[in-house]
Amino acid sequence: MSAVLEREGVAVDGQPSTSSANPGSRQTRARYVTLALVPALGLVMMIGLLTGAVATSPRDLLALLPGTGGDEWTRYVLLEVRLPRVILGALVGAALGASGAALQGLFRNPLADPGLIGVAAGAAFAAVAVIVLGGTVLAPLVGWLGMAALPVAAFLGGLVTTLIVYRLASHQGQTAVATLLLAGIAINAIAGAGTGLLVYMADDQQLRTLTFWNMGSLAQAEWASLAVGTALVVLAFMALPLAARGLNGMMLGENVARHLGFSVHRLKLLVIVMAALAVGSAVALAGIIGFVGLVVPHILRMAIGPDHRYLLPASALGGAMLLVMADAAARVVVAPAELPIGLLTALVGGPFFLWLLLRMRGRLG
């Protein structure tokens, strides 16, 4: 029953596939590519740390070490401005990349981007509600949750929209791609209308915050908020790999996954909740940044294959690299001003999505 997956080098029963014995197999390549992405991410983060309106050099990185002295202004720029920003970019990119890969595996199609199916829009609506109404209607909730109010609200908003879209697009164990996209369009429209109404109610100070937040930005990165968001995203990262083998079984449908011994209901619940947690936290920390969860998993799936044991961590690393690079470019393209990072990802992801639609138009029809 799992012969098709075995031919692709995908393990579904806890044992390596028969193709893994071949050093040139897809599984071996997936392992090497995933490992190679780790130092590549470190290099990209170093480049992001040295990029910006203030000129810095690799020698200035020594100022980050205790007891090395160095220029105080350079030390402040690197430690208090750029380092939390680079870490936030890597964290948000990893959350979007891994969530996109998990949702695509659950829905069994490569179009299930967290932004396209309304997850990010639902998270954004809940987060905007906290920003605008946090001092009035939602004051008790904000007072009780403190700094965690924004990521918790975004998580709940993303969770609700994910459940709605999944329910609308699923029928008799199958997920219709066209229905998925149409449901996502509807959810995006409804959440966008609610967000617009809240923006209309906002005061001038809230409007300045929401303007850049709606276009995606890492400019508000600071250590305090980063600590809260990191805890929630790391929780999702720890749980999503537990679904890897189940997602491999889901590639042949829910009935096949059940026959292979997986609890489909628990698998769905785990993926939906953890993806909503990761995306909601990312939206709360950096605003709406689209297409990362679409572009990165699809490119890596073509490069290393569909095995989610490697695809999930590789998508996290690839998403982190993409967002850190995009943020570095956003800081220098119109320097000393800053371009919203969501605009850059849309410029890359929009054409990619159209290309993907052209490839899939036969199946969509």
Protein backbone atom coordinates (compact mmCIF):
# COMPACT_ATOMS: atom_id res chain seq x y z
CA MET A 1 0.00 0.00 0.00
CA SER A 2 2.91 2.34 0.66
CA ALA A 3 4.87 1.17 -2.40
CA VAL A 4 4.50 4.52 -4.16
CA LEU A 5 5.98 6.35 -1.20
CA GLU A 6 8.76 3.80 -0.88
CA ARG A 7 9.75 4.38 -4.53
CA GLU A 8 10.07 8.08 -3.68
CA GLY A 9 12.32 7.31 -0.71
CA VAL A 10 9.65 8.35 1.78
CA ALA A 11 9.40 6.41 5.04
CA VAL A 12 5.96 5.95 6.57
CA ASP A 13 6.44 3.09 9.01
CA GLY A 14 9.47 4.20 10.97
CA GLN A 15 11.90 2.20 8.77
CA PRO A 16 14.13 3.63 6.05
CA SER A 17 12.83 3.14 2.54
CA THR A 18 14.48 0.63 0.23
CA SER A 19 15.95 3.45 -1.86
CA SER A 20 17.87 4.87 1.09
CA ALA A 21 20.57 2.23 0.66
CA ASN A 22 21.66 3.96 -2.55
CA PRO A 23 24.05 6.82 -1.70
CA GLY A 24 22.70 8.77 -4.65
CA SER A 25 19.09 8.40 -3.61
CA ARG A 26 16.72 11.28 -3.04
CA GLN A 27 16.69 10.57 0.69
CA THR A 28 20.48 10.89 0.93
CA ARG A 29 20.37 14.11 -1.07
CA ALA A 30 17.63 15.43 1.21
CA ARG A 31 19.79 14.73 4.27
CA TYR A 32 22.80 16.51 2.79
CA VAL A 33 20.80 19.51 1.60
CA THR A 34 19.12 19.91 4.99
CA LEU A 35 22.47 19.78 6.78
CA ALA A 36 24.00 22.26 4.30
CA LEU A 37 21.23 24.77 5.01
CA VAL A 38 22.45 25.14 8.63
CA PRO A 39 25.80 26.84 7.87
CA ALA A 40 24.14 28.68 4.97
CA LEU A 41 21.65 30.21 7.40
CA GLY A 42 24.52 31.21 9.71
CA LEU A 43 26.26 32.97 6.82
CA VAL A 44 23.06 34.76 5.77
CA MET A 45 22.43 35.91 9.34
CA MET A 46 25.97 37.30 9.52
CA ILE A 47 25.38 39.21 6.28
CA GLY A 48 22.11 40.55 7.67
CA LEU A 49 23.92 41.64 10.82
CA LEU A 50 26.43 43.66 8.79
CA THR A 51 23.90 45.18 6.38
CA GLY A 52 22.23 48.53 6.96
CA ALA A 53 22.47 52.30 6.72
CA VAL A 54 25.34 52.36 9.27
CA ALA A 55 28.49 50.95 7.67
CA THR A 56 29.94 47.96 9.53
CA SER A 57 32.58 45.35 8.74
CA PRO A 58 33.26 41.78 9.89
CA ARG A 59 35.86 43.20 12.27
CA ASP A 60 33.06 45.03 14.10
CA LEU A 61 31.56 41.67 15.05
CA LEU A 62 34.38 41.33 17.58
CA ALA A 63 32.71 44.16 19.49
CA LEU A 64 29.91 41.74 20.34
CA LEU A 65 32.29 39.67 22.48
CA PRO A 66 32.51 40.69 26.15
CA GLY A 67 35.70 42.49 27.16
CA THR A 68 36.77 43.34 23.61
CA GLY A 69 35.93 47.04 23.82
CA GLY A 70 35.19 48.61 20.46
CA ASP A 71 33.14 51.58 19.44
CA GLU A 72 30.07 51.98 21.68
CA TRP A 73 27.85 53.24 18.86
CA THR A 74 28.73 50.30 16.63
CA ARG A 75 28.18 47.92 19.54
CA TYR A 76 24.75 49.43 20.18
CA VAL A 77 23.75 49.17 16.49
CA LEU A 78 24.80 45.54 16.29
CA LEU A 79 23.49 44.34 19.66
CA GLU A 80 20.35 46.36 20.19
CA VAL A 81 19.15 47.12 16.65
CA ARG A 82 20.36 44.53 14.16
CA LEU A 83 20.84 41.35 16.20
CA PRO A 84 17.25 41.13 17.52
CA ARG A 85 16.05 42.04 14.04
CA VAL A 86 18.06 39.28 12.38
CA ILE A 87 16.93 36.73 14.98
CA LEU A 88 13.32 37.84 14.53
CA GLY A 89 13.60 37.53 10.75
CA ALA A 90 15.00 34.00 11.06
CA LEU A 91 12.33 33.05 13.58
CA VAL A 92 9.41 34.41 11.53
CA GLY A 93 10.75 32.97 8.28
CA ALA A 94 11.22 29.56 9.87
CA ALA A 95 7.69 29.66 11.30
CA LEU A 96 6.15 30.54 7.92
CA GLY A 97 8.26 28.03 5.98
CA ALA A 98 7.61 25.08 8.29
CA SER A 99 3.90 25.93 8.59
CA GLY A 100 3.54 26.16 4.83
CA ALA A 101 5.15 22.74 4.38
CA ALA A 102 2.94 21.19 7.07
CA LEU A 103 -0.29 22.68 5.69
CA GLN A 104 0.61 21.65 2.13
CA GLY A 105 1.16 18.11 3.36
CA LEU A 106 -2.10 18.08 5.28
CA PHE A 107 -4.17 19.52 2.41
CA ARG A 108 -2.17 17.48 -0.15
CA ASN A 109 -1.55 20.34 -2.55
CA PRO A 110 1.24 22.91 -2.98
CA LEU A 111 -1.10 25.94 -2.92
CA ALA A 112 -1.88 25.83 0.79
CA ASP A 113 0.10 28.90 1.79
CA PRO A 114 -0.84 30.32 5.23
CA GLY A 115 -1.54 33.67 3.58
CA LEU A 116 -3.54 32.39 0.62
CA ILE A 117 -5.94 30.27 2.68
CA GLY A 118 -6.68 33.01 5.21
CA VAL A 119 -4.62 31.87 8.20
CA ALA A 120 -2.50 35.03 8.26
CA ALA A 121 -5.55 37.24 7.65
CA GLY A 122 -7.40 35.70 10.59
CA ALA A 123 -4.36 36.07 12.81
CA ALA A 124 -3.95 39.67 11.68
CA PHE A 125 -7.58 40.51 12.43
CA ALA A 126 -7.28 39.19 15.98
CA ALA A 127 -3.97 40.99 16.52
CA VAL A 128 -5.35 44.30 15.19
CA ALA A 129 -8.31 43.91 17.55
CA VAL A 130 -5.88 43.72 20.47
CA ILE A 131 -3.95 46.77 19.25
CA VAL A 132 -7.04 48.92 18.67
CA LEU A 133 -9.34 47.68 21.43
CA GLY A 134 -6.68 46.75 23.99
CA GLY A 135 -7.35 49.88 26.01
CA THR A 136 -11.15 49.58 25.98
CA VAL A 137 -13.20 46.46 25.28
CA LEU A 138 -10.29 44.02 25.52
CA ALA A 139 -8.54 45.79 28.40
CA PRO A 140 -9.21 42.96 30.94
CA LEU A 141 -7.78 40.36 28.55
CA VAL A 142 -4.70 42.47 27.77
CA GLY A 143 -4.18 43.17 31.45
CA TRP A 144 -4.35 39.46 32.27
CA LEU A 145 -2.09 38.22 29.45
CA GLY A 146 0.31 41.16 29.38
CA MET A 147 2.89 40.98 26.57
CA ALA A 148 1.52 37.60 25.50
CA ALA A 149 -1.88 39.13 24.56
CA LEU A 150 -0.88 39.90 20.96
CA PRO A 151 0.62 36.48 20.03
CA VAL A 152 -2.15 34.60 21.87
CA ALA A 153 -4.86 36.55 20.05
CA ALA A 154 -3.11 36.03 16.70
CA PHE A 155 -2.83 32.29 17.41
CA LEU A 156 -6.55 32.01 18.16
CA GLY A 157 -7.45 34.00 15.04
CA GLY A 158 -5.24 31.81 12.85
CA LEU A 159 -6.60 28.63 14.46
CA VAL A 160 -10.23 29.56 13.85
CA THR A 161 -9.67 30.48 10.20
CA THR A 162 -7.64 27.32 9.56
CA LEU A 163 -10.42 25.14 10.95
CA ILE A 164 -13.05 26.95 8.88
CA VAL A 165 -11.09 26.65 5.63
CA TYR A 166 -10.30 23.00 6.24
CA ARG A 167 -13.94 22.19 6.96
CA LEU A 168 -15.12 23.98 3.82
CA ALA A 169 -12.52 22.41 1.52
CA SER A 170 -12.77 18.80 2.78
CA HIS A 171 -15.35 16.33 1.57
CA GLN A 172 -15.28 12.54 1.95
CA GLY A 173 -11.60 12.53 2.88
CA GLN A 174 -10.55 14.67 -0.07
CA THR A 175 -9.49 18.33 -0.16
CA ALA A 176 -10.55 20.19 -3.29
CA VAL A 177 -7.91 22.67 -4.45
CA ALA A 178 -10.41 25.04 -6.05
CA THR A 179 -12.61 25.03 -2.94
CA LEU A 180 -9.55 25.60 -0.78
CA LEU A 181 -8.56 28.69 -2.74
CA LEU A 182 -12.11 30.05 -2.89
CA ALA A 183 -12.57 29.52 0.85
CA GLY A 184 -9.26 31.28 1.42
CA ILE A 185 -10.39 34.22 -0.72
CA ALA A 186 -13.62 34.48 1.25
CA ILE A 187 -11.84 34.29 4.63
CA ASN A 188 -9.30 36.87 3.49
CA ALA A 189 -12.11 39.19 2.42
CA ILE A 190 -14.05 38.80 5.67
CA ALA A 191 -10.98 39.19 7.87
CA GLY A 192 -9.78 42.10 5.73
CA ALA A 193 -13.11 43.84 6.14
CA GLY A 194 -12.96 43.37 9.91
CA THR A 195 -9.39 44.65 9.98
CA GLY A 196 -10.39 47.66 7.88
CA LEU A 197 -13.20 48.49 10.29
CA LEU A 198 -10.80 48.36 13.23
CA VAL A 199 -8.30 50.53 11.37
CA TYR A 200 -11.08 53.06 10.78
CA MET A 201 -11.67 53.12 14.55
CA ALA A 202 -7.97 53.53 15.41
CA ASP A 203 -6.42 56.78 16.61
CA ASP A 204 -3.41 58.46 14.97
CA GLN A 205 -0.80 56.65 17.04
CA GLN A 206 -2.39 53.25 16.39
CA LEU A 207 -2.66 54.06 12.69
CA ARG A 208 1.09 54.67 12.42
CA THR A 209 1.70 51.31 14.05
CA LEU A 210 -0.80 49.47 11.87
CA THR A 211 0.37 51.01 8.58
CA PHE A 212 3.77 49.32 8.62
CA TRP A 213 2.51 46.31 10.55
CA ASN A 214 -0.02 45.45 7.82
CA MET A 215 2.74 45.51 5.18
CA GLY A 216 5.11 43.40 7.28
CA SER A 217 8.14 44.79 9.04
CA LEU A 218 10.90 43.70 11.40
CA ALA A 219 11.63 47.26 12.49
CA GLN A 220 9.90 46.81 15.87
CA ALA A 221 12.19 43.95 16.90
CA GLU A 222 13.23 44.16 20.54
CA TRP A 223 14.48 41.61 23.03
CA ALA A 224 11.41 41.67 25.30
CA SER A 225 8.79 40.89 22.62
CA LEU A 226 11.20 38.49 20.92
CA ALA A 227 11.39 36.34 24.05
CA VAL A 228 7.60 35.83 24.17
CA GLY A 229 7.29 35.07 20.45
CA THR A 230 10.28 32.73 20.50
CA ALA A 231 8.71 30.55 23.20
CA LEU A 232 5.51 30.06 21.17
CA VAL A 233 7.26 29.40 17.86
CA VAL A 234 9.73 26.97 19.43
CA LEU A 235 6.77 25.04 20.88
CA ALA A 236 5.38 24.65 17.36
CA PHE A 237 8.81 23.60 16.02
CA MET A 238 9.06 20.91 18.65
CA ALA A 239 5.62 19.48 17.82
CA LEU A 240 5.50 19.66 14.01
CA PRO A 241 8.23 17.03 13.40
CA LEU A 242 6.04 14.57 15.30
CA ALA A 243 3.62 14.76 12.36
CA ALA A 244 6.26 14.06 9.68
CA ARG A 245 5.56 10.36 9.16
CA GLY A 246 1.82 10.92 9.36
CA LEU A 247 2.05 13.59 6.67
CA ASN A 248 4.01 11.12 4.53
CA GLY A 249 1.11 8.68 4.89
CA MET A 250 -1.40 11.42 4.06
CA MET A 251 0.24 11.85 0.66
CA LEU A 252 -1.82 8.87 -0.55
CA GLY A 253 -5.05 9.97 1.13
CA GLU A 254 -6.70 9.71 4.53
CA ASN A 255 -7.91 6.14 4.08
CA VAL A 256 -4.42 4.92 3.22
CA ALA A 257 -2.98 6.81 6.20
CA ARG A 258 -5.48 5.06 8.48
CA HIS A 259 -4.54 1.65 7.07
CA LEU A 260 -0.89 2.48 7.73
CA GLY A 261 -1.76 2.93 11.40
CA PHE A 262 -1.90 6.70 11.76
CA SER A 263 -4.60 8.50 13.71
CA VAL A 264 -5.77 10.94 11.05
CA HIS A 265 -7.90 12.95 13.47
CA ARG A 266 -5.02 13.53 15.89
CA LEU A 267 -2.69 14.28 12.99
CA LYS A 268 -5.05 16.95 11.65
CA LEU A 269 -5.46 18.46 15.09
CA LEU A 270 -1.71 18.57 15.72
CA VAL A 271 -0.84 20.14 12.35
CA ILE A 272 -3.65 22.69 12.39
CA VAL A 273 -3.01 23.83 15.97
CA MET A 274 0.78 24.01 15.63
CA ALA A 275 0.64 25.73 12.23
CA ALA A 276 -1.82 28.28 13.61
CA LEU A 277 0.45 28.81 16.63
CA ALA A 278 3.53 29.38 14.46
CA VAL A 279 1.77 31.64 11.93
CA GLY A 280 -0.12 33.56 14.62
CA SER A 281 3.09 34.24 16.52
CA ALA A 282 4.83 35.31 13.31
CA VAL A 283 2.01 37.71 12.44
CA ALA A 284 2.01 39.14 15.96
CA LEU A 285 5.76 39.75 15.83
CA ALA A 286 6.22 41.03 12.27
CA GLY A 287 2.82 41.69 10.71
CA ILE A 288 1.58 40.15 7.47
CA ILE A 289 4.38 38.67 5.36
CA GLY A 290 3.04 36.61 2.48
CA PHE A 291 4.25 33.86 0.17
CA VAL A 292 7.18 32.60 2.29
CA GLY A 293 5.16 29.51 3.21
CA LEU A 294 4.33 28.96 -0.46
CA VAL A 295 7.65 29.54 -2.21
CA VAL A 296 10.11 27.87 0.15
CA PRO A 297 8.43 24.44 0.67
CA HIS A 298 7.65 24.10 -3.03
CA ILE A 299 11.24 24.82 -4.13
CA LEU A 300 12.65 22.46 -1.52
CA ARG A 301 10.12 19.75 -2.41
CA MET A 302 11.41 19.86 -5.98
CA ALA A 303 15.02 19.71 -4.71
CA ILE A 304 14.88 17.09 -1.95
CA GLY A 305 11.58 15.29 -2.46
CA PRO A 306 8.35 15.01 -0.46
CA ASP A 307 9.63 13.26 2.69
CA HIS A 308 8.41 15.50 5.53
CA ARG A 309 11.11 14.22 7.89
CA TYR A 310 13.48 16.39 5.87
CA LEU A 311 11.05 18.79 4.21
CA LEU A 312 9.82 20.32 7.50
CA PRO A 313 13.25 21.25 8.93
CA ALA A 314 14.55 22.24 5.49
CA SER A 315 11.56 24.54 4.96
CA ALA A 316 12.16 26.14 8.36
CA LEU A 317 15.81 26.79 7.49
CA GLY A 318 14.97 27.97 3.96
CA GLY A 319 12.22 30.28 5.21
CA ALA A 320 14.62 31.78 7.74
CA MET A 321 17.22 32.39 5.04
CA LEU A 322 14.71 33.97 2.66
CA LEU A 323 13.31 36.40 5.22
CA VAL A 324 16.70 37.46 6.59
CA MET A 325 17.89 38.15 3.03
CA ALA A 326 14.68 40.02 2.20
CA ASP A 327 15.03 42.15 5.33
CA ALA A 328 18.66 42.97 4.50
CA ALA A 329 17.55 44.08 1.04
CA ALA A 330 14.66 46.12 2.50
CA ARG A 331 17.14 48.10 4.60
CA VAL A 332 19.41 49.11 1.70
CA VAL A 333 17.15 49.42 -1.35
CA VAL A 334 15.79 52.84 -0.34
CA ALA A 335 18.33 53.69 2.41
CA PRO A 336 18.25 55.54 4.74
CA ALA A 337 14.50 54.80 4.58
CA GLU A 338 13.20 51.24 4.87
CA LEU A 339 11.01 49.25 2.50
CA PRO A 340 8.31 47.09 4.15
CA ILE A 341 9.50 43.52 3.92
CA GLY A 342 6.03 42.27 2.99
CA LEU A 343 6.27 44.19 -0.30
CA LEU A 344 9.49 42.40 -1.24
CA THR A 345 8.13 38.94 -0.48
CA ALA A 346 4.99 39.76 -2.49
CA LEU A 347 7.12 40.87 -5.47
CA VAL A 348 8.82 37.46 -5.42
CA GLY A 349 5.88 35.31 -4.35
CA GLY A 350 3.22 36.79 -6.64
CA PRO A 351 4.87 35.76 -9.93
CA PHE A 352 5.85 32.43 -8.39
CA PHE A 353 2.23 31.75 -7.45
CA LEU A 354 1.08 32.56 -11.00
CA TRP A 355 3.69 30.18 -12.38
CA LEU A 356 2.52 27.50 -9.98
CA LEU A 357 -1.08 28.04 -11.06
CA LEU A 358 -0.08 27.64 -14.71
CA ARG A 359 1.61 24.35 -13.87
CA MET A 360 -1.46 23.10 -12.01
CA ARG A 361 -4.19 24.44 -14.30
CA GLY A 362 -4.88 20.98 -15.71
CA ARG A 363 -5.55 19.55 -12.25
CA LEU A 364 -7.50 22.62 -11.19
CA GLY A 365 -9.75 22.20 -14.18
